[in-house]
PDB file of N, CA and C in Angstrom:
ATOM      1  N   MET A   1      -7.743  12.586  16.542  1.00  0.00           N
ATOM      2  CA  MET A   1      -9.261  12.381  16.758  1.00  0.00           C
ATOM      3  C   MET A   1      -9.640  11.295  17.482  1.00  0.00           C
ATOM      4  N   GLY A   2      -9.080  10.366  18.289  1.00  0.00           N
ATOM      5  CA  GLY A   2      -9.636   9.088  18.571  1.00  0.00           C
ATOM      6  C   GLY A   2      -9.898   8.008  17.815  1.00  0.00           C
ATOM      7  N   HIS A   3      -9.006   8.069  16.270  1.00  0.00           N
ATOM      8  CA  HIS A   3      -8.823   6.807  15.794  1.00  0.00           C
ATOM      9  C   HIS A   3      -7.398   6.317  15.525  1.00  0.00           C
ATOM     10  N   ASP A   4      -7.547   4.618  15.824  1.00  0.00           N
ATOM     11  CA  ASP A   4      -5.949   4.304  15.346  1.00  0.00           C
ATOM     12  C   ASP A   4      -5.384   4.343  14.237  1.00  0.00           C
ATOM     13  N   ARG A   5      -4.134   4.454  13.811  1.00  0.00           N
ATOM     14  CA  ARG A   5      -3.765   4.758  12.436  1.00  0.00           C
ATOM     15  C   ARG A   5      -3.754   2.873  11.874  1.00  0.00           C
ATOM     16  N   GLY A   6      -4.181   3.240  10.908  1.00  0.00           N
ATOM     17  CA  GLY A   6      -4.204   1.960   9.837  1.00  0.00           C
ATOM     18  C   GLY A   6      -3.186   1.496   9.205  1.00  0.00           C
ATOM     19  N   ALA A   7      -3.360   0.648   8.169  1.00  0.00           N
ATOM     20  CA  ALA A   7      -1.998  -0.191   7.803  1.00  0.00           C
ATOM     21  C   ALA A   7      -1.639   1.420   6.758  1.00  0.00           C
ATOM     22  N   THR A   8      -0.484   1.420   6.062  1.00  0.00           N
ATOM     23  CA  THR A   8       0.059   2.034   4.937  1.00  0.00           C
ATOM     24  C   THR A   8       0.536   1.344   4.677  1.00  0.00           C
ATOM     25  N   ILE A   9       0.493   1.256   3.166  1.00  0.00           N
ATOM     26  CA  ILE A   9       0.838   0.830   2.105  1.00  0.00           C
ATOM     27  C   ILE A   9       1.058   1.763   0.813  1.00  0.00           C
ATOM     28  N   SER A  10       2.429   1.280  -0.174  1.00  0.00           N
ATOM     29  CA  SER A  10       2.924   1.957  -0.999  1.00  0.00           C
ATOM     30  C   SER A  10       2.071   2.257  -2.043  1.00  0.00           C
ATOM     31  N   VAL A  11       1.736   3.054  -3.057  1.00  0.00           N
ATOM     32  CA  VAL A  11       1.025   3.055  -4.013  1.00  0.00           C
ATOM     33  C   VAL A  11       0.635   2.065  -5.494  1.00  0.00           C
ATOM     34  N   GLN A  12       2.068   1.378  -5.150  1.00  0.00           N
ATOM     35  CA  GLN A  12       2.209   0.439  -6.202  1.00  0.00           C
ATOM     36  C   GLN A  12       1.583  -1.059  -5.622  1.00  0.00           C
ATOM     37  N   THR A  13       2.061  -0.828  -4.196  1.00  0.00           N
ATOM     38  CA  THR A  13       1.363  -2.220  -3.991  1.00  0.00           C
ATOM     39  C   THR A  13      -0.295  -1.912  -3.738  1.00  0.00           C
ATOM     40  N   ALA A  14      -0.663  -0.720  -3.532  1.00  0.00           N
ATOM     41  CA  ALA A  14      -2.279  -0.937  -3.689  1.00  0.00           C
ATOM     42  C   ALA A  14      -2.859  -1.343  -5.069  1.00  0.00           C
ATOM     43  N   TYR A  15      -1.912  -0.590  -5.884  1.00  0.00           N
ATOM     44  CA  TYR A  15      -2.281  -1.178  -7.430  1.00  0.00           C
ATOM     45  C   TYR A  15      -2.414  -2.484  -7.773  1.00  0.00           C
ATOM     46  N   ASP A  16      -1.334  -3.526  -7.135  1.00  0.00           N
ATOM     47  CA  ASP A  16      -0.882  -4.479  -7.456  1.00  0.00           C
ATOM     48  C   ASP A  16      -1.759  -5.387  -6.953  1.00  0.00           C
ATOM     49  N   LEU A  17      -1.983  -4.899  -5.380  1.00  0.00           N
ATOM     50  CA  LEU A  17      -3.385  -5.606  -4.909  1.00  0.00           C
ATOM     51  C   LEU A  17      -4.516  -5.362  -5.375  1.00  0.00           C
ATOM     52  N   GLY A  18      -4.817  -4.471  -6.014  1.00  0.00           N
ATOM     53  CA  GLY A  18      -5.991  -4.258  -6.647  1.00  0.00           C
ATOM     54  C   GLY A  18      -6.286  -4.743  -7.861  1.00  0.00           C
ATOM     55  N   ALA A  19      -4.878  -5.103  -8.116  1.00  0.00           N
ATOM     56  CA  ALA A  19      -5.352  -6.053  -9.771  1.00  0.00           C
ATOM     57  C   ALA A  19      -5.571  -7.217  -9.741  1.00  0.00           C
ATOM     58  N   VAL A  20      -4.980  -7.535  -8.158  1.00  0.00           N
ATOM     59  CA  VAL A  20      -5.304  -9.388  -8.402  1.00  0.00           C
ATOM     60  C   VAL A  20      -6.749  -9.064  -7.616  1.00  0.00           C
ATOM     61  N   TRP A  21      -6.914  -8.334  -6.969  1.00  0.00           N
ATOM     62  CA  TRP A  21      -8.081  -8.711  -5.514  1.00  0.00           C
ATOM     63  C   TRP A  21      -9.493  -8.549  -7.074  1.00  0.00           C
ATOM     64  N   TYR A  22      -9.554  -7.638  -8.110  1.00  0.00           N
ATOM     65  CA  TYR A  22     -10.806  -7.672  -8.727  1.00  0.00           C
ATOM     66  C   TYR A  22     -10.611  -8.257 -10.105  1.00  0.00           C
ATOM     67  N   GLU A  23      -9.694  -8.282  -9.973  1.00  0.00           N
ATOM     68  CA  GLU A  23      -9.490  -9.424 -11.816  1.00  0.00           C
ATOM     69  C   GLU A  23     -10.633  -9.998 -12.135  1.00  0.00           C
ATOM     70  N   ASP A  24     -11.270 -10.518 -11.575  1.00  0.00           N
ATOM     71  CA  ASP A  24     -12.283 -12.080 -11.933  1.00  0.00           C
ATOM     72  C   ASP A  24     -13.507 -11.020 -11.383  1.00  0.00           C
ATOM     73  N   ARG A  25     -13.867 -10.188 -11.060  1.00  0.00           N
ATOM     74  CA  ARG A  25     -14.999  -9.071 -10.142  1.00  0.00           C
ATOM     75  C   ARG A  25     -16.273  -9.451 -11.164  1.00  0.00           C
ATOM     76  N   MET A  26     -15.659  -9.114 -12.336  1.00  0.00           N
ATOM     77  CA  MET A  26     -17.222  -9.212 -13.401  1.00  0.00           C
ATOM     78  C   MET A  26     -17.474 -10.928 -13.781  1.00  0.00           C
ATOM     79  N   SER A  27     -16.897 -11.441 -13.667  1.00  0.00           N
ATOM     80  CA  SER A  27     -17.250 -12.967 -14.173  1.00  0.00           C
ATOM     81  C   SER A  27     -18.595 -13.213 -13.572  1.00  0.00           C
ATOM     82  N   GLU A  28     -19.401 -13.845 -14.104  1.00  0.00           N
ATOM     83  CA  GLU A  28     -20.751 -14.572 -13.320  1.00  0.00           C
ATOM     84  C   GLU A  28     -20.689 -15.473 -12.591  1.00  0.00           C
ATOM     85  N   ASP A  29     -19.773 -16.152 -12.707  1.00  0.00           N
ATOM     86  CA  ASP A  29     -19.500 -17.245 -11.573  1.00  0.00           C
ATOM     87  C   ASP A  29     -18.348 -16.466 -10.279  1.00  0.00           C
ATOM     88  N   TRP A  30     -17.999 -14.998  -9.794  1.00  0.00           N
ATOM     89  CA  TRP A  30     -17.435 -14.544  -9.265  1.00  0.00           C
ATOM     90  C   TRP A  30     -18.066 -15.128  -7.584  1.00  0.00           C
ATOM     91  N   VAL A  31     -17.556 -15.359  -6.959  1.00  0.00           N
ATOM     92  CA  VAL A  31     -17.711 -15.187  -5.162  1.00  0.00           C
ATOM     93  C   VAL A  31     -16.844 -14.545  -4.377  1.00  0.00           C
ATOM     94  N   PRO A  32     -17.267 -14.286  -3.567  1.00  0.00           N
ATOM     95  CA  PRO A  32     -16.539 -13.382  -2.661  1.00  0.00           C
ATOM     96  C   PRO A  32     -15.576 -14.397  -1.863  1.00  0.00           C
ATOM     97  N   PRO A  33     -14.367 -13.595  -1.847  1.00  0.00           N
ATOM     98  CA  PRO A  33     -12.854 -14.783  -1.219  1.00  0.00           C
ATOM     99  C   PRO A  33     -13.544 -14.891   0.471  1.00  0.00           C
ATOM    100  N   THR A  34     -13.156 -15.974   0.951  1.00  0.00           N
ATOM    101  CA  THR A  34     -13.200 -16.635   1.938  1.00  0.00           C
ATOM    102  C   THR A  34     -11.983 -15.479   2.837  1.00  0.00           C
ATOM    103  N   PRO A  35     -12.588 -15.271   4.439  1.00  0.00           N
ATOM    104  CA  PRO A  35     -11.307 -14.864   4.953  1.00  0.00           C
ATOM    105  C   PRO A  35      -9.940 -15.404   4.975  1.00  0.00           C
ATOM    106  N   ALA A  36      -9.898 -16.528   4.772  1.00  0.00           N
ATOM    107  CA  ALA A  36      -8.753 -17.433   4.501  1.00  0.00           C
ATOM    108  C   ALA A  36      -8.026 -16.855   3.227  1.00  0.00           C
ATOM    109  N   GLN A  37      -9.103 -16.781   2.608  1.00  0.00           N
ATOM    110  CA  GLN A  37      -8.158 -16.802   0.586  1.00  0.00           C
ATOM    111  C   GLN A  37      -7.640 -15.405   0.976  1.00  0.00           C
ATOM    112  N   ALA A  38      -8.619 -14.460   1.680  1.00  0.00           N
ATOM    113  CA  ALA A  38      -7.963 -13.003   1.363  1.00  0.00           C
ATOM    114  C   ALA A  38      -6.565 -12.705   1.882  1.00  0.00           C
ATOM    115  N   GLU A  39      -6.718 -13.278   3.277  1.00  0.00           N
ATOM    116  CA  GLU A  39      -5.236 -13.327   4.237  1.00  0.00           C
ATOM    117  C   GLU A  39      -4.539 -13.861   3.336  1.00  0.00           C
ATOM    118  N   GLU A  40      -4.467 -14.706   2.266  1.00  0.00           N
ATOM    119  CA  GLU A  40      -3.429 -15.438   1.302  1.00  0.00           C
ATOM    120  C   GLU A  40      -2.881 -14.289   0.373  1.00  0.00           C
ATOM    121  N   VAL A  41      -3.885 -13.586  -0.235  1.00  0.00           N
ATOM    122  CA  VAL A  41      -3.519 -12.464  -0.824  1.00  0.00           C
ATOM    123  C   VAL A  41      -2.911 -11.607  -0.382  1.00  0.00           C
ATOM    124  N   PHE A  42      -3.162 -11.095   0.756  1.00  0.00           N
ATOM    125  CA  PHE A  42      -2.936 -10.230   1.265  1.00  0.00           C
ATOM    126  C   PHE A  42      -1.359 -10.736   1.892  1.00  0.00           C
ATOM    127  N   SER A  43      -0.805 -11.512   2.348  1.00  0.00           N
ATOM    128  CA  SER A  43       0.384 -11.985   2.282  1.00  0.00           C
ATOM    129  C   SER A  43       0.671 -12.069   1.260  1.00  0.00           C
ATOM    130  N   HIS A  44       0.551 -12.348   0.091  1.00  0.00           N
ATOM    131  CA  HIS A  44       1.273 -12.369  -1.285  1.00  0.00           C
ATOM    132  C   HIS A  44       2.128 -11.050  -1.269  1.00  0.00           C
ATOM    133  N   PHE A  45       1.901 -10.128  -0.926  1.00  0.00           N
ATOM    134  CA  PHE A  45       1.907  -8.650  -0.800  1.00  0.00           C
ATOM    135  C   PHE A  45       2.648  -8.223   0.396  1.00  0.00           C
ATOM    136  N   ASP A  46       3.042  -9.123   1.273  1.00  0.00           N
ATOM    137  CA  ASP A  46       3.894  -9.287   2.415  1.00  0.00           C
ATOM    138  C   ASP A  46       3.097  -8.309   3.661  1.00  0.00           C
ATOM    139  N   LEU A  47       1.191  -8.152   3.523  1.00  0.00           N
ATOM    140  CA  LEU A  47       0.707  -7.518   4.141  1.00  0.00           C
ATOM    141  C   LEU A  47       0.324  -8.118   5.529  1.00  0.00           C
ATOM    142  N   THR A  48       1.147  -8.050   6.734  1.00  0.00           N
ATOM    143  CA  THR A  48       0.521  -8.859   7.480  1.00  0.00           C
ATOM    144  C   THR A  48       0.576  -8.191   8.678  1.00  0.00           C
ATOM    145  N   GLY A  49       0.072  -8.615   9.675  1.00  0.00           N
ATOM    146  CA  GLY A  49      -0.066  -7.791  11.297  1.00  0.00           C
ATOM    147  C   GLY A  49      -1.330  -8.021  11.428  1.00  0.00           C
ATOM    148  N   GLU A  50      -1.772  -7.294  12.537  1.00  0.00           N
ATOM    149  CA  GLU A  50      -2.938  -7.240  13.116  1.00  0.00           C
ATOM    150  C   GLU A  50      -4.241  -6.490  12.264  1.00  0.00           C
ATOM    151  N   PHE A  51      -3.456  -5.649  11.247  1.00  0.00           N
ATOM    152  CA  PHE A  51      -4.489  -4.743  10.826  1.00  0.00           C
ATOM    153  C   PHE A  51      -5.001  -5.458   9.622  1.00  0.00           C
ATOM    154  N   TRP A  52      -4.261  -6.759   9.048  1.00  0.00           N
ATOM    155  CA  TRP A  52      -4.582  -7.770   7.718  1.00  0.00           C
ATOM    156  C   TRP A  52      -5.392  -9.168   8.029  1.00  0.00           C
ATOM    157  N   ARG A  53      -5.236  -9.130   9.550  1.00  0.00           N
ATOM    158  CA  ARG A  53      -6.094 -10.225   9.982  1.00  0.00           C
ATOM    159  C   ARG A  53      -7.889  -9.954   9.618  1.00  0.00           C
ATOM    160  N   LEU A  54      -8.423 -10.736   9.188  1.00  0.00           N
ATOM    161  CA  LEU A  54      -9.507 -11.346   9.442  1.00  0.00           C
ATOM    162  C   LEU A  54     -10.143 -12.005  10.386  1.00  0.00           C
ATOM    163  N   PRO A  55     -11.574 -12.095  10.623  1.00  0.00           N
ATOM    164  CA  PRO A  55     -12.461 -12.970  11.794  1.00  0.00           C
ATOM    165  C   PRO A  55     -12.972 -14.068  11.225  1.00  0.00           C
TER     166      PRO A  55
END
């Protein structure tokens, strides 16, 4: 359909990533992660490569 395939990860990895990504989201002093911080989280779960790189 004209779209490149993105990354594929296991359900467990998605769950684990989500647990880390959203663990403090409801905190009053929450701030979004910088691209570098986000890539560090991705790297922790071995999510590397072009798809996981942020501008």
